[in-house]
Amino acid sequence: RWNRLLPMATKAGALVPVGRGGERR
């Protein structure tokens, strides 16, 4: 469900940096 995926992606945006290592969120 998109309405479940998007809020979790938003939380990841606050907690998980984009950069070397993970490369992509």
PDBML (XML) file of the C-alpha atoms, coordinates in Angstrom:
<?xml version="1.0" encoding="UTF-8" ?>
<PDBx:datablock datablockName="MODEL"
   xmlns:PDBx="http://pdbml.pdb.org/schema/pdbx-v50.xsd"
   xmlns:xsi="http://www.w3.org/2001/XMLSchema-instance"
   xsi:schemaLocation="http://pdbml.pdb.org/schema/pdbx-v50.xsd pdbx-v50.xsd">
   <PDBx:atom_siteCategory>
      <PDBx:atom_site id="1">
         <PDBx:B_iso_or_equiv>0.00</PDBx:B_iso_or_equiv>
         <PDBx:Cartn_x>0.000</PDBx:Cartn_x>
         <PDBx:Cartn_y>0.000</PDBx:Cartn_y>
         <PDBx:Cartn_z>0.000</PDBx:Cartn_z>
         <PDBx:auth_asym_id>A</PDBx:auth_asym_id>
         <PDBx:auth_atom_id>CA</PDBx:auth_atom_id>
         <PDBx:auth_comp_id>ARG</PDBx:auth_comp_id>
         <PDBx:auth_seq_id>1</PDBx:auth_seq_id>
         <PDBx:group_PDB>ATOM</PDBx:group_PDB>
         <PDBx:label_alt_id xsi:nil="true" />
         <PDBx:label_asym_id>A</PDBx:label_asym_id>
         <PDBx:label_atom_id>CA</PDBx:label_atom_id>
         <PDBx:label_comp_id>ARG</PDBx:label_comp_id>
         <PDBx:label_entity_id>1</PDBx:label_entity_id>
         <PDBx:label_seq_id>1</PDBx:label_seq_id>
         <PDBx:occupancy>1.00</PDBx:occupancy>
         <PDBx:pdbx_PDB_model_num>1</PDBx:pdbx_PDB_model_num>
         <PDBx:type_symbol>C</PDBx:type_symbol>
      </PDBx:atom_site>
      <PDBx:atom_site id="2">
         <PDBx:B_iso_or_equiv>0.00</PDBx:B_iso_or_equiv>
         <PDBx:Cartn_x>1.383</PDBx:Cartn_x>
         <PDBx:Cartn_y>3.385</PDBx:Cartn_y>
         <PDBx:Cartn_z>-1.049</PDBx:Cartn_z>
         <PDBx:auth_asym_id>A</PDBx:auth_asym_id>
         <PDBx:auth_atom_id>CA</PDBx:auth_atom_id>
         <PDBx:auth_comp_id>TRP</PDBx:auth_comp_id>
         <PDBx:auth_seq_id>2</PDBx:auth_seq_id>
         <PDBx:group_PDB>ATOM</PDBx:group_PDB>
         <PDBx:label_alt_id xsi:nil="true" />
         <PDBx:label_asym_id>A</PDBx:label_asym_id>
         <PDBx:label_atom_id>CA</PDBx:label_atom_id>
         <PDBx:label_comp_id>TRP</PDBx:label_comp_id>
         <PDBx:label_entity_id>1</PDBx:label_entity_id>
         <PDBx:label_seq_id>2</PDBx:label_seq_id>
         <PDBx:occupancy>1.00</PDBx:occupancy>
         <PDBx:pdbx_PDB_model_num>1</PDBx:pdbx_PDB_model_num>
         <PDBx:type_symbol>C</PDBx:type_symbol>
      </PDBx:atom_site>
      <PDBx:atom_site id="3">
         <PDBx:B_iso_or_equiv>0.00</PDBx:B_iso_or_equiv>
         <PDBx:Cartn_x>-0.271</PDBx:Cartn_x>
         <PDBx:Cartn_y>5.047</PDBx:Cartn_y>
         <PDBx:Cartn_z>1.953</PDBx:Cartn_z>
         <PDBx:auth_asym_id>A</PDBx:auth_asym_id>
         <PDBx:auth_atom_id>CA</PDBx:auth_atom_id>
         <PDBx:auth_comp_id>ASN</PDBx:auth_comp_id>
         <PDBx:auth_seq_id>3</PDBx:auth_seq_id>
         <PDBx:group_PDB>ATOM</PDBx:group_PDB>
         <PDBx:label_alt_id xsi:nil="true" />
         <PDBx:label_asym_id>A</PDBx:label_asym_id>
         <PDBx:label_atom_id>CA</PDBx:label_atom_id>
         <PDBx:label_comp_id>ASN</PDBx:label_comp_id>
         <PDBx:label_entity_id>1</PDBx:label_entity_id>
         <PDBx:label_seq_id>3</PDBx:label_seq_id>
         <PDBx:occupancy>1.00</PDBx:occupancy>
         <PDBx:pdbx_PDB_model_num>1</PDBx:pdbx_PDB_model_num>
         <PDBx:type_symbol>C</PDBx:type_symbol>
      </PDBx:atom_site>
      <PDBx:atom_site id="4">
         <PDBx:B_iso_or_equiv>0.00</PDBx:B_iso_or_equiv>
         <PDBx:Cartn_x>1.873</PDBx:Cartn_x>
         <PDBx:Cartn_y>2.826</PDBx:Cartn_y>
         <PDBx:Cartn_z>4.180</PDBx:Cartn_z>
         <PDBx:auth_asym_id>A</PDBx:auth_asym_id>
         <PDBx:auth_atom_id>CA</PDBx:auth_atom_id>
         <PDBx:auth_comp_id>ARG</PDBx:auth_comp_id>
         <PDBx:auth_seq_id>4</PDBx:auth_seq_id>
         <PDBx:group_PDB>ATOM</PDBx:group_PDB>
         <PDBx:label_alt_id xsi:nil="true" />
         <PDBx:label_asym_id>A</PDBx:label_asym_id>
         <PDBx:label_atom_id>CA</PDBx:label_atom_id>
         <PDBx:label_comp_id>ARG</PDBx:label_comp_id>
         <PDBx:label_entity_id>1</PDBx:label_entity_id>
         <PDBx:label_seq_id>4</PDBx:label_seq_id>
         <PDBx:occupancy>1.00</PDBx:occupancy>
         <PDBx:pdbx_PDB_model_num>1</PDBx:pdbx_PDB_model_num>
         <PDBx:type_symbol>C</PDBx:type_symbol>
      </PDBx:atom_site>
      <PDBx:atom_site id="5">
         <PDBx:B_iso_or_equiv>0.00</PDBx:B_iso_or_equiv>
         <PDBx:Cartn_x>5.080</PDBx:Cartn_x>
         <PDBx:Cartn_y>3.024</PDBx:Cartn_y>
         <PDBx:Cartn_z>2.146</PDBx:Cartn_z>
         <PDBx:auth_asym_id>A</PDBx:auth_asym_id>
         <PDBx:auth_atom_id>CA</PDBx:auth_atom_id>
         <PDBx:auth_comp_id>LEU</PDBx:auth_comp_id>
         <PDBx:auth_seq_id>5</PDBx:auth_seq_id>
         <PDBx:group_PDB>ATOM</PDBx:group_PDB>
         <PDBx:label_alt_id xsi:nil="true" />
         <PDBx:label_asym_id>A</PDBx:label_asym_id>
         <PDBx:label_atom_id>CA</PDBx:label_atom_id>
         <PDBx:label_comp_id>LEU</PDBx:label_comp_id>
         <PDBx:label_entity_id>1</PDBx:label_entity_id>
         <PDBx:label_seq_id>5</PDBx:label_seq_id>
         <PDBx:occupancy>1.00</PDBx:occupancy>
         <PDBx:pdbx_PDB_model_num>1</PDBx:pdbx_PDB_model_num>
         <PDBx:type_symbol>C</PDBx:type_symbol>
      </PDBx:atom_site>
      <PDBx:atom_site id="6">
         <PDBx:B_iso_or_equiv>0.00</PDBx:B_iso_or_equiv>
         <PDBx:Cartn_x>5.199</PDBx:Cartn_x>
         <PDBx:Cartn_y>6.815</PDBx:Cartn_y>
         <PDBx:Cartn_z>1.888</PDBx:Cartn_z>
         <PDBx:auth_asym_id>A</PDBx:auth_asym_id>
         <PDBx:auth_atom_id>CA</PDBx:auth_atom_id>
         <PDBx:auth_comp_id>LEU</PDBx:auth_comp_id>
         <PDBx:auth_seq_id>6</PDBx:auth_seq_id>
         <PDBx:group_PDB>ATOM</PDBx:group_PDB>
         <PDBx:label_alt_id xsi:nil="true" />
         <PDBx:label_asym_id>A</PDBx:label_asym_id>
         <PDBx:label_atom_id>CA</PDBx:label_atom_id>
         <PDBx:label_comp_id>LEU</PDBx:label_comp_id>
         <PDBx:label_entity_id>1</PDBx:label_entity_id>
         <PDBx:label_seq_id>6</PDBx:label_seq_id>
         <PDBx:occupancy>1.00</PDBx:occupancy>
         <PDBx:pdbx_PDB_model_num>1</PDBx:pdbx_PDB_model_num>
         <PDBx:type_symbol>C</PDBx:type_symbol>
      </PDBx:atom_site>
      <PDBx:atom_site id="7">
         <PDBx:B_iso_or_equiv>0.00</PDBx:B_iso_or_equiv>
         <PDBx:Cartn_x>5.043</PDBx:Cartn_x>
         <PDBx:Cartn_y>7.585</PDBx:Cartn_y>
         <PDBx:Cartn_z>5.645</PDBx:Cartn_z>
         <PDBx:auth_asym_id>A</PDBx:auth_asym_id>
         <PDBx:auth_atom_id>CA</PDBx:auth_atom_id>
         <PDBx:auth_comp_id>PRO</PDBx:auth_comp_id>
         <PDBx:auth_seq_id>7</PDBx:auth_seq_id>
         <PDBx:group_PDB>ATOM</PDBx:group_PDB>
         <PDBx:label_alt_id xsi:nil="true" />
         <PDBx:label_asym_id>A</PDBx:label_asym_id>
         <PDBx:label_atom_id>CA</PDBx:label_atom_id>
         <PDBx:label_comp_id>PRO</PDBx:label_comp_id>
         <PDBx:label_entity_id>1</PDBx:label_entity_id>
         <PDBx:label_seq_id>7</PDBx:label_seq_id>
         <PDBx:occupancy>1.00</PDBx:occupancy>
         <PDBx:pdbx_PDB_model_num>1</PDBx:pdbx_PDB_model_num>
         <PDBx:type_symbol>C</PDBx:type_symbol>
      </PDBx:atom_site>
      <PDBx:atom_site id="8">
         <PDBx:B_iso_or_equiv>0.00</PDBx:B_iso_or_equiv>
         <PDBx:Cartn_x>7.846</PDBx:Cartn_x>
         <PDBx:Cartn_y>5.086</PDBx:Cartn_y>
         <PDBx:Cartn_z>6.297</PDBx:Cartn_z>
         <PDBx:auth_asym_id>A</PDBx:auth_asym_id>
         <PDBx:auth_atom_id>CA</PDBx:auth_atom_id>
         <PDBx:auth_comp_id>MET</PDBx:auth_comp_id>
         <PDBx:auth_seq_id>8</PDBx:auth_seq_id>
         <PDBx:group_PDB>ATOM</PDBx:group_PDB>
         <PDBx:label_alt_id xsi:nil="true" />
         <PDBx:label_asym_id>A</PDBx:label_asym_id>
         <PDBx:label_atom_id>CA</PDBx:label_atom_id>
         <PDBx:label_comp_id>MET</PDBx:label_comp_id>
         <PDBx:label_entity_id>1</PDBx:label_entity_id>
         <PDBx:label_seq_id>8</PDBx:label_seq_id>
         <PDBx:occupancy>1.00</PDBx:occupancy>
         <PDBx:pdbx_PDB_model_num>1</PDBx:pdbx_PDB_model_num>
         <PDBx:type_symbol>C</PDBx:type_symbol>
      </PDBx:atom_site>
      <PDBx:atom_site id="9">
         <PDBx:B_iso_or_equiv>0.00</PDBx:B_iso_or_equiv>
         <PDBx:Cartn_x>9.932</PDBx:Cartn_x>
         <PDBx:Cartn_y>6.619</PDBx:Cartn_y>
         <PDBx:Cartn_z>3.502</PDBx:Cartn_z>
         <PDBx:auth_asym_id>A</PDBx:auth_asym_id>
         <PDBx:auth_atom_id>CA</PDBx:auth_atom_id>
         <PDBx:auth_comp_id>ALA</PDBx:auth_comp_id>
         <PDBx:auth_seq_id>9</PDBx:auth_seq_id>
         <PDBx:group_PDB>ATOM</PDBx:group_PDB>
         <PDBx:label_alt_id xsi:nil="true" />
         <PDBx:label_asym_id>A</PDBx:label_asym_id>
         <PDBx:label_atom_id>CA</PDBx:label_atom_id>
         <PDBx:label_comp_id>ALA</PDBx:label_comp_id>
         <PDBx:label_entity_id>1</PDBx:label_entity_id>
         <PDBx:label_seq_id>9</PDBx:label_seq_id>
         <PDBx:occupancy>1.00</PDBx:occupancy>
         <PDBx:pdbx_PDB_model_num>1</PDBx:pdbx_PDB_model_num>
         <PDBx:type_symbol>C</PDBx:type_symbol>
      </PDBx:atom_site>
      <PDBx:atom_site id="10">
         <PDBx:B_iso_or_equiv>0.00</PDBx:B_iso_or_equiv>
         <PDBx:Cartn_x>9.318</PDBx:Cartn_x>
         <PDBx:Cartn_y>10.030</PDBx:Cartn_y>
         <PDBx:Cartn_z>5.113</PDBx:Cartn_z>
         <PDBx:auth_asym_id>A</PDBx:auth_asym_id>
         <PDBx:auth_atom_id>CA</PDBx:auth_atom_id>
         <PDBx:auth_comp_id>THR</PDBx:auth_comp_id>
         <PDBx:auth_seq_id>10</PDBx:auth_seq_id>
         <PDBx:group_PDB>ATOM</PDBx:group_PDB>
         <PDBx:label_alt_id xsi:nil="true" />
         <PDBx:label_asym_id>A</PDBx:label_asym_id>
         <PDBx:label_atom_id>CA</PDBx:label_atom_id>
         <PDBx:label_comp_id>THR</PDBx:label_comp_id>
         <PDBx:label_entity_id>1</PDBx:label_entity_id>
         <PDBx:label_seq_id>10</PDBx:label_seq_id>
         <PDBx:occupancy>1.00</PDBx:occupancy>
         <PDBx:pdbx_PDB_model_num>1</PDBx:pdbx_PDB_model_num>
         <PDBx:type_symbol>C</PDBx:type_symbol>
      </PDBx:atom_site>
      <PDBx:atom_site id="11">
         <PDBx:B_iso_or_equiv>0.00</PDBx:B_iso_or_equiv>
         <PDBx:Cartn_x>10.608</PDBx:Cartn_x>
         <PDBx:Cartn_y>8.709</PDBx:Cartn_y>
         <PDBx:Cartn_z>8.453</PDBx:Cartn_z>
         <PDBx:auth_asym_id>A</PDBx:auth_asym_id>
         <PDBx:auth_atom_id>CA</PDBx:auth_atom_id>
         <PDBx:auth_comp_id>LYS</PDBx:auth_comp_id>
         <PDBx:auth_seq_id>11</PDBx:auth_seq_id>
         <PDBx:group_PDB>ATOM</PDBx:group_PDB>
         <PDBx:label_alt_id xsi:nil="true" />
         <PDBx:label_asym_id>A</PDBx:label_asym_id>
         <PDBx:label_atom_id>CA</PDBx:label_atom_id>
         <PDBx:label_comp_id>LYS</PDBx:label_comp_id>
         <PDBx:label_entity_id>1</PDBx:label_entity_id>
         <PDBx:label_seq_id>11</PDBx:label_seq_id>
         <PDBx:occupancy>1.00</PDBx:occupancy>
         <PDBx:pdbx_PDB_model_num>1</PDBx:pdbx_PDB_model_num>
         <PDBx:type_symbol>C</PDBx:type_symbol>
      </PDBx:atom_site>
      <PDBx:atom_site id="12">
         <PDBx:B_iso_or_equiv>0.00</PDBx:B_iso_or_equiv>
         <PDBx:Cartn_x>13.656</PDBx:Cartn_x>
         <PDBx:Cartn_y>7.289</PDBx:Cartn_y>
         <PDBx:Cartn_z>6.670</PDBx:Cartn_z>
         <PDBx:auth_asym_id>A</PDBx:auth_asym_id>
         <PDBx:auth_atom_id>CA</PDBx:auth_atom_id>
         <PDBx:auth_comp_id>ALA</PDBx:auth_comp_id>
         <PDBx:auth_seq_id>12</PDBx:auth_seq_id>
         <PDBx:group_PDB>ATOM</PDBx:group_PDB>
         <PDBx:label_alt_id xsi:nil="true" />
         <PDBx:label_asym_id>A</PDBx:label_asym_id>
         <PDBx:label_atom_id>CA</PDBx:label_atom_id>
         <PDBx:label_comp_id>ALA</PDBx:label_comp_id>
         <PDBx:label_entity_id>1</PDBx:label_entity_id>
         <PDBx:label_seq_id>12</PDBx:label_seq_id>
         <PDBx:occupancy>1.00</PDBx:occupancy>
         <PDBx:pdbx_PDB_model_num>1</PDBx:pdbx_PDB_model_num>
         <PDBx:type_symbol>C</PDBx:type_symbol>
      </PDBx:atom_site>
      <PDBx:atom_site id="13">
         <PDBx:B_iso_or_equiv>0.00</PDBx:B_iso_or_equiv>
         <PDBx:Cartn_x>14.230</PDBx:Cartn_x>
         <PDBx:Cartn_y>10.767</PDBx:Cartn_y>
         <PDBx:Cartn_z>5.211</PDBx:Cartn_z>
         <PDBx:auth_asym_id>A</PDBx:auth_asym_id>
         <PDBx:auth_atom_id>CA</PDBx:auth_atom_id>
         <PDBx:auth_comp_id>GLY</PDBx:auth_comp_id>
         <PDBx:auth_seq_id>13</PDBx:auth_seq_id>
         <PDBx:group_PDB>ATOM</PDBx:group_PDB>
         <PDBx:label_alt_id xsi:nil="true" />
         <PDBx:label_asym_id>A</PDBx:label_asym_id>
         <PDBx:label_atom_id>CA</PDBx:label_atom_id>
         <PDBx:label_comp_id>GLY</PDBx:label_comp_id>
         <PDBx:label_entity_id>1</PDBx:label_entity_id>
         <PDBx:label_seq_id>13</PDBx:label_seq_id>
         <PDBx:occupancy>1.00</PDBx:occupancy>
         <PDBx:pdbx_PDB_model_num>1</PDBx:pdbx_PDB_model_num>
         <PDBx:type_symbol>C</PDBx:type_symbol>
      </PDBx:atom_site>
      <PDBx:atom_site id="14">
         <PDBx:B_iso_or_equiv>0.00</PDBx:B_iso_or_equiv>
         <PDBx:Cartn_x>14.583</PDBx:Cartn_x>
         <PDBx:Cartn_y>12.125</PDBx:Cartn_y>
         <PDBx:Cartn_z>8.748</PDBx:Cartn_z>
         <PDBx:auth_asym_id>A</PDBx:auth_asym_id>
         <PDBx:auth_atom_id>CA</PDBx:auth_atom_id>
         <PDBx:auth_comp_id>ALA</PDBx:auth_comp_id>
         <PDBx:auth_seq_id>14</PDBx:auth_seq_id>
         <PDBx:group_PDB>ATOM</PDBx:group_PDB>
         <PDBx:label_alt_id xsi:nil="true" />
         <PDBx:label_asym_id>A</PDBx:label_asym_id>
         <PDBx:label_atom_id>CA</PDBx:label_atom_id>
         <PDBx:label_comp_id>ALA</PDBx:label_comp_id>
         <PDBx:label_entity_id>1</PDBx:label_entity_id>
         <PDBx:label_seq_id>14</PDBx:label_seq_id>
         <PDBx:occupancy>1.00</PDBx:occupancy>
         <PDBx:pdbx_PDB_model_num>1</PDBx:pdbx_PDB_model_num>
         <PDBx:type_symbol>C</PDBx:type_symbol>
      </PDBx:atom_site>
      <PDBx:atom_site id="15">
         <PDBx:B_iso_or_equiv>0.00</PDBx:B_iso_or_equiv>
         <PDBx:Cartn_x>16.696</PDBx:Cartn_x>
         <PDBx:Cartn_y>9.252</PDBx:Cartn_y>
         <PDBx:Cartn_z>10.083</PDBx:Cartn_z>
         <PDBx:auth_asym_id>A</PDBx:auth_asym_id>
         <PDBx:auth_atom_id>CA</PDBx:auth_atom_id>
         <PDBx:auth_comp_id>LEU</PDBx:auth_comp_id>
         <PDBx:auth_seq_id>15</PDBx:auth_seq_id>
         <PDBx:group_PDB>ATOM</PDBx:group_PDB>
         <PDBx:label_alt_id xsi:nil="true" />
         <PDBx:label_asym_id>A</PDBx:label_asym_id>
         <PDBx:label_atom_id>CA</PDBx:label_atom_id>
         <PDBx:label_comp_id>LEU</PDBx:label_comp_id>
         <PDBx:label_entity_id>1</PDBx:label_entity_id>
         <PDBx:label_seq_id>15</PDBx:label_seq_id>
         <PDBx:occupancy>1.00</PDBx:occupancy>
         <PDBx:pdbx_PDB_model_num>1</PDBx:pdbx_PDB_model_num>
         <PDBx:type_symbol>C</PDBx:type_symbol>
      </PDBx:atom_site>
      <PDBx:atom_site id="16">
         <PDBx:B_iso_or_equiv>0.00</PDBx:B_iso_or_equiv>
         <PDBx:Cartn_x>18.827</PDBx:Cartn_x>
         <PDBx:Cartn_y>7.944</PDBx:Cartn_y>
         <PDBx:Cartn_z>7.219</PDBx:Cartn_z>
         <PDBx:auth_asym_id>A</PDBx:auth_asym_id>
         <PDBx:auth_atom_id>CA</PDBx:auth_atom_id>
         <PDBx:auth_comp_id>VAL</PDBx:auth_comp_id>
         <PDBx:auth_seq_id>16</PDBx:auth_seq_id>
         <PDBx:group_PDB>ATOM</PDBx:group_PDB>
         <PDBx:label_alt_id xsi:nil="true" />
         <PDBx:label_asym_id>A</PDBx:label_asym_id>
         <PDBx:label_atom_id>CA</PDBx:label_atom_id>
         <PDBx:label_comp_id>VAL</PDBx:label_comp_id>
         <PDBx:label_entity_id>1</PDBx:label_entity_id>
         <PDBx:label_seq_id>16</PDBx:label_seq_id>
         <PDBx:occupancy>1.00</PDBx:occupancy>
         <PDBx:pdbx_PDB_model_num>1</PDBx:pdbx_PDB_model_num>
         <PDBx:type_symbol>C</PDBx:type_symbol>
      </PDBx:atom_site>
      <PDBx:atom_site id="17">
         <PDBx:B_iso_or_equiv>0.00</PDBx:B_iso_or_equiv>
         <PDBx:Cartn_x>21.387</PDBx:Cartn_x>
         <PDBx:Cartn_y>10.143</PDBx:Cartn_y>
         <PDBx:Cartn_z>5.435</PDBx:Cartn_z>
         <PDBx:auth_asym_id>A</PDBx:auth_asym_id>
         <PDBx:auth_atom_id>CA</PDBx:auth_atom_id>
         <PDBx:auth_comp_id>PRO</PDBx:auth_comp_id>
         <PDBx:auth_seq_id>17</PDBx:auth_seq_id>
         <PDBx:group_PDB>ATOM</PDBx:group_PDB>
         <PDBx:label_alt_id xsi:nil="true" />
         <PDBx:label_asym_id>A</PDBx:label_asym_id>
         <PDBx:label_atom_id>CA</PDBx:label_atom_id>
         <PDBx:label_comp_id>PRO</PDBx:label_comp_id>
         <PDBx:label_entity_id>1</PDBx:label_entity_id>
         <PDBx:label_seq_id>17</PDBx:label_seq_id>
         <PDBx:occupancy>1.00</PDBx:occupancy>
         <PDBx:pdbx_PDB_model_num>1</PDBx:pdbx_PDB_model_num>
         <PDBx:type_symbol>C</PDBx:type_symbol>
      </PDBx:atom_site>
      <PDBx:atom_site id="18">
         <PDBx:B_iso_or_equiv>0.00</PDBx:B_iso_or_equiv>
         <PDBx:Cartn_x>22.012</PDBx:Cartn_x>
         <PDBx:Cartn_y>9.911</PDBx:Cartn_y>
         <PDBx:Cartn_z>1.705</PDBx:Cartn_z>
         <PDBx:auth_asym_id>A</PDBx:auth_asym_id>
         <PDBx:auth_atom_id>CA</PDBx:auth_atom_id>
         <PDBx:auth_comp_id>VAL</PDBx:auth_comp_id>
         <PDBx:auth_seq_id>18</PDBx:auth_seq_id>
         <PDBx:group_PDB>ATOM</PDBx:group_PDB>
         <PDBx:label_alt_id xsi:nil="true" />
         <PDBx:label_asym_id>A</PDBx:label_asym_id>
         <PDBx:label_atom_id>CA</PDBx:label_atom_id>
         <PDBx:label_comp_id>VAL</PDBx:label_comp_id>
         <PDBx:label_entity_id>1</PDBx:label_entity_id>
         <PDBx:label_seq_id>18</PDBx:label_seq_id>
         <PDBx:occupancy>1.00</PDBx:occupancy>
         <PDBx:pdbx_PDB_model_num>1</PDBx:pdbx_PDB_model_num>
         <PDBx:type_symbol>C</PDBx:type_symbol>
      </PDBx:atom_site>
      <PDBx:atom_site id="19">
         <PDBx:B_iso_or_equiv>0.00</PDBx:B_iso_or_equiv>
         <PDBx:Cartn_x>25.689</PDBx:Cartn_x>
         <PDBx:Cartn_y>9.419</PDBx:Cartn_y>
         <PDBx:Cartn_z>0.970</PDBx:Cartn_z>
         <PDBx:auth_asym_id>A</PDBx:auth_asym_id>
         <PDBx:auth_atom_id>CA</PDBx:auth_atom_id>
         <PDBx:auth_comp_id>GLY</PDBx:auth_comp_id>
         <PDBx:auth_seq_id>19</PDBx:auth_seq_id>
         <PDBx:group_PDB>ATOM</PDBx:group_PDB>
         <PDBx:label_alt_id xsi:nil="true" />
         <PDBx:label_asym_id>A</PDBx:label_asym_id>
         <PDBx:label_atom_id>CA</PDBx:label_atom_id>
         <PDBx:label_comp_id>GLY</PDBx:label_comp_id>
         <PDBx:label_entity_id>1</PDBx:label_entity_id>
         <PDBx:label_seq_id>19</PDBx:label_seq_id>
         <PDBx:occupancy>1.00</PDBx:occupancy>
         <PDBx:pdbx_PDB_model_num>1</PDBx:pdbx_PDB_model_num>
         <PDBx:type_symbol>C</PDBx:type_symbol>
      </PDBx:atom_site>
      <PDBx:atom_site id="20">
         <PDBx:B_iso_or_equiv>0.00</PDBx:B_iso_or_equiv>
         <PDBx:Cartn_x>28.423</PDBx:Cartn_x>
         <PDBx:Cartn_y>6.899</PDBx:Cartn_y>
         <PDBx:Cartn_z>0.494</PDBx:Cartn_z>
         <PDBx:auth_asym_id>A</PDBx:auth_asym_id>
         <PDBx:auth_atom_id>CA</PDBx:auth_atom_id>
         <PDBx:auth_comp_id>ARG</PDBx:auth_comp_id>
         <PDBx:auth_seq_id>20</PDBx:auth_seq_id>
         <PDBx:group_PDB>ATOM</PDBx:group_PDB>
         <PDBx:label_alt_id xsi:nil="true" />
         <PDBx:label_asym_id>A</PDBx:label_asym_id>
         <PDBx:label_atom_id>CA</PDBx:label_atom_id>
         <PDBx:label_comp_id>ARG</PDBx:label_comp_id>
         <PDBx:label_entity_id>1</PDBx:label_entity_id>
         <PDBx:label_seq_id>20</PDBx:label_seq_id>
         <PDBx:occupancy>1.00</PDBx:occupancy>
         <PDBx:pdbx_PDB_model_num>1</PDBx:pdbx_PDB_model_num>
         <PDBx:type_symbol>C</PDBx:type_symbol>
      </PDBx:atom_site>
      <PDBx:atom_site id="21">
         <PDBx:B_iso_or_equiv>0.00</PDBx:B_iso_or_equiv>
         <PDBx:Cartn_x>27.613</PDBx:Cartn_x>
         <PDBx:Cartn_y>3.575</PDBx:Cartn_y>
         <PDBx:Cartn_z>2.064</PDBx:Cartn_z>
         <PDBx:auth_asym_id>A</PDBx:auth_asym_id>
         <PDBx:auth_atom_id>CA</PDBx:auth_atom_id>
         <PDBx:auth_comp_id>GLY</PDBx:auth_comp_id>
         <PDBx:auth_seq_id>21</PDBx:auth_seq_id>
         <PDBx:group_PDB>ATOM</PDBx:group_PDB>
         <PDBx:label_alt_id xsi:nil="true" />
         <PDBx:label_asym_id>A</PDBx:label_asym_id>
         <PDBx:label_atom_id>CA</PDBx:label_atom_id>
         <PDBx:label_comp_id>GLY</PDBx:label_comp_id>
         <PDBx:label_entity_id>1</PDBx:label_entity_id>
         <PDBx:label_seq_id>21</PDBx:label_seq_id>
         <PDBx:occupancy>1.00</PDBx:occupancy>
         <PDBx:pdbx_PDB_model_num>1</PDBx:pdbx_PDB_model_num>
         <PDBx:type_symbol>C</PDBx:type_symbol>
      </PDBx:atom_site>
      <PDBx:atom_site id="22">
         <PDBx:B_iso_or_equiv>0.00</PDBx:B_iso_or_equiv>
         <PDBx:Cartn_x>23.875</PDBx:Cartn_x>
         <PDBx:Cartn_y>3.423</PDBx:Cartn_y>
         <PDBx:Cartn_z>1.513</PDBx:Cartn_z>
         <PDBx:auth_asym_id>A</PDBx:auth_asym_id>
         <PDBx:auth_atom_id>CA</PDBx:auth_atom_id>
         <PDBx:auth_comp_id>GLY</PDBx:auth_comp_id>
         <PDBx:auth_seq_id>22</PDBx:auth_seq_id>
         <PDBx:group_PDB>ATOM</PDBx:group_PDB>
         <PDBx:label_alt_id xsi:nil="true" />
         <PDBx:label_asym_id>A</PDBx:label_asym_id>
         <PDBx:label_atom_id>CA</PDBx:label_atom_id>
         <PDBx:label_comp_id>GLY</PDBx:label_comp_id>
         <PDBx:label_entity_id>1</PDBx:label_entity_id>
         <PDBx:label_seq_id>22</PDBx:label_seq_id>
         <PDBx:occupancy>1.00</PDBx:occupancy>
         <PDBx:pdbx_PDB_model_num>1</PDBx:pdbx_PDB_model_num>
         <PDBx:type_symbol>C</PDBx:type_symbol>
      </PDBx:atom_site>
      <PDBx:atom_site id="23">
         <PDBx:B_iso_or_equiv>0.00</PDBx:B_iso_or_equiv>
         <PDBx:Cartn_x>24.165</PDBx:Cartn_x>
         <PDBx:Cartn_y>5.438</PDBx:Cartn_y>
         <PDBx:Cartn_z>-1.719</PDBx:Cartn_z>
         <PDBx:auth_asym_id>A</PDBx:auth_asym_id>
         <PDBx:auth_atom_id>CA</PDBx:auth_atom_id>
         <PDBx:auth_comp_id>GLU</PDBx:auth_comp_id>
         <PDBx:auth_seq_id>23</PDBx:auth_seq_id>
         <PDBx:group_PDB>ATOM</PDBx:group_PDB>
         <PDBx:label_alt_id xsi:nil="true" />
         <PDBx:label_asym_id>A</PDBx:label_asym_id>
         <PDBx:label_atom_id>CA</PDBx:label_atom_id>
         <PDBx:label_comp_id>GLU</PDBx:label_comp_id>
         <PDBx:label_entity_id>1</PDBx:label_entity_id>
         <PDBx:label_seq_id>23</PDBx:label_seq_id>
         <PDBx:occupancy>1.00</PDBx:occupancy>
         <PDBx:pdbx_PDB_model_num>1</PDBx:pdbx_PDB_model_num>
         <PDBx:type_symbol>C</PDBx:type_symbol>
      </PDBx:atom_site>
      <PDBx:atom_site id="24">
         <PDBx:B_iso_or_equiv>0.00</PDBx:B_iso_or_equiv>
         <PDBx:Cartn_x>20.394</PDBx:Cartn_x>
         <PDBx:Cartn_y>5.791</PDBx:Cartn_y>
         <PDBx:Cartn_z>-2.061</PDBx:Cartn_z>
         <PDBx:auth_asym_id>A</PDBx:auth_asym_id>
         <PDBx:auth_atom_id>CA</PDBx:auth_atom_id>
         <PDBx:auth_comp_id>ARG</PDBx:auth_comp_id>
         <PDBx:auth_seq_id>24</PDBx:auth_seq_id>
         <PDBx:group_PDB>ATOM</PDBx:group_PDB>
         <PDBx:label_alt_id xsi:nil="true" />
         <PDBx:label_asym_id>A</PDBx:label_asym_id>
         <PDBx:label_atom_id>CA</PDBx:label_atom_id>
         <PDBx:label_comp_id>ARG</PDBx:label_comp_id>
         <PDBx:label_entity_id>1</PDBx:label_entity_id>
         <PDBx:label_seq_id>24</PDBx:label_seq_id>
         <PDBx:occupancy>1.00</PDBx:occupancy>
         <PDBx:pdbx_PDB_model_num>1</PDBx:pdbx_PDB_model_num>
         <PDBx:type_symbol>C</PDBx:type_symbol>
      </PDBx:atom_site>
      <PDBx:atom_site id="25">
         <PDBx:B_iso_or_equiv>0.00</PDBx:B_iso_or_equiv>
         <PDBx:Cartn_x>17.506</PDBx:Cartn_x>
         <PDBx:Cartn_y>6.105</PDBx:Cartn_y>
         <PDBx:Cartn_z>0.369</PDBx:Cartn_z>
         <PDBx:auth_asym_id>A</PDBx:auth_asym_id>
         <PDBx:auth_atom_id>CA</PDBx:auth_atom_id>
         <PDBx:auth_comp_id>ARG</PDBx:auth_comp_id>
         <PDBx:auth_seq_id>25</PDBx:auth_seq_id>
         <PDBx:group_PDB>ATOM</PDBx:group_PDB>
         <PDBx:label_alt_id xsi:nil="true" />
         <PDBx:label_asym_id>A</PDBx:label_asym_id>
         <PDBx:label_atom_id>CA</PDBx:label_atom_id>
         <PDBx:label_comp_id>ARG</PDBx:label_comp_id>
         <PDBx:label_entity_id>1</PDBx:label_entity_id>
         <PDBx:label_seq_id>25</PDBx:label_seq_id>
         <PDBx:occupancy>1.00</PDBx:occupancy>
         <PDBx:pdbx_PDB_model_num>1</PDBx:pdbx_PDB_model_num>
         <PDBx:type_symbol>C</PDBx:type_symbol>
      </PDBx:atom_site>
   </PDBx:atom_siteCategory>
</PDBx:datablock>
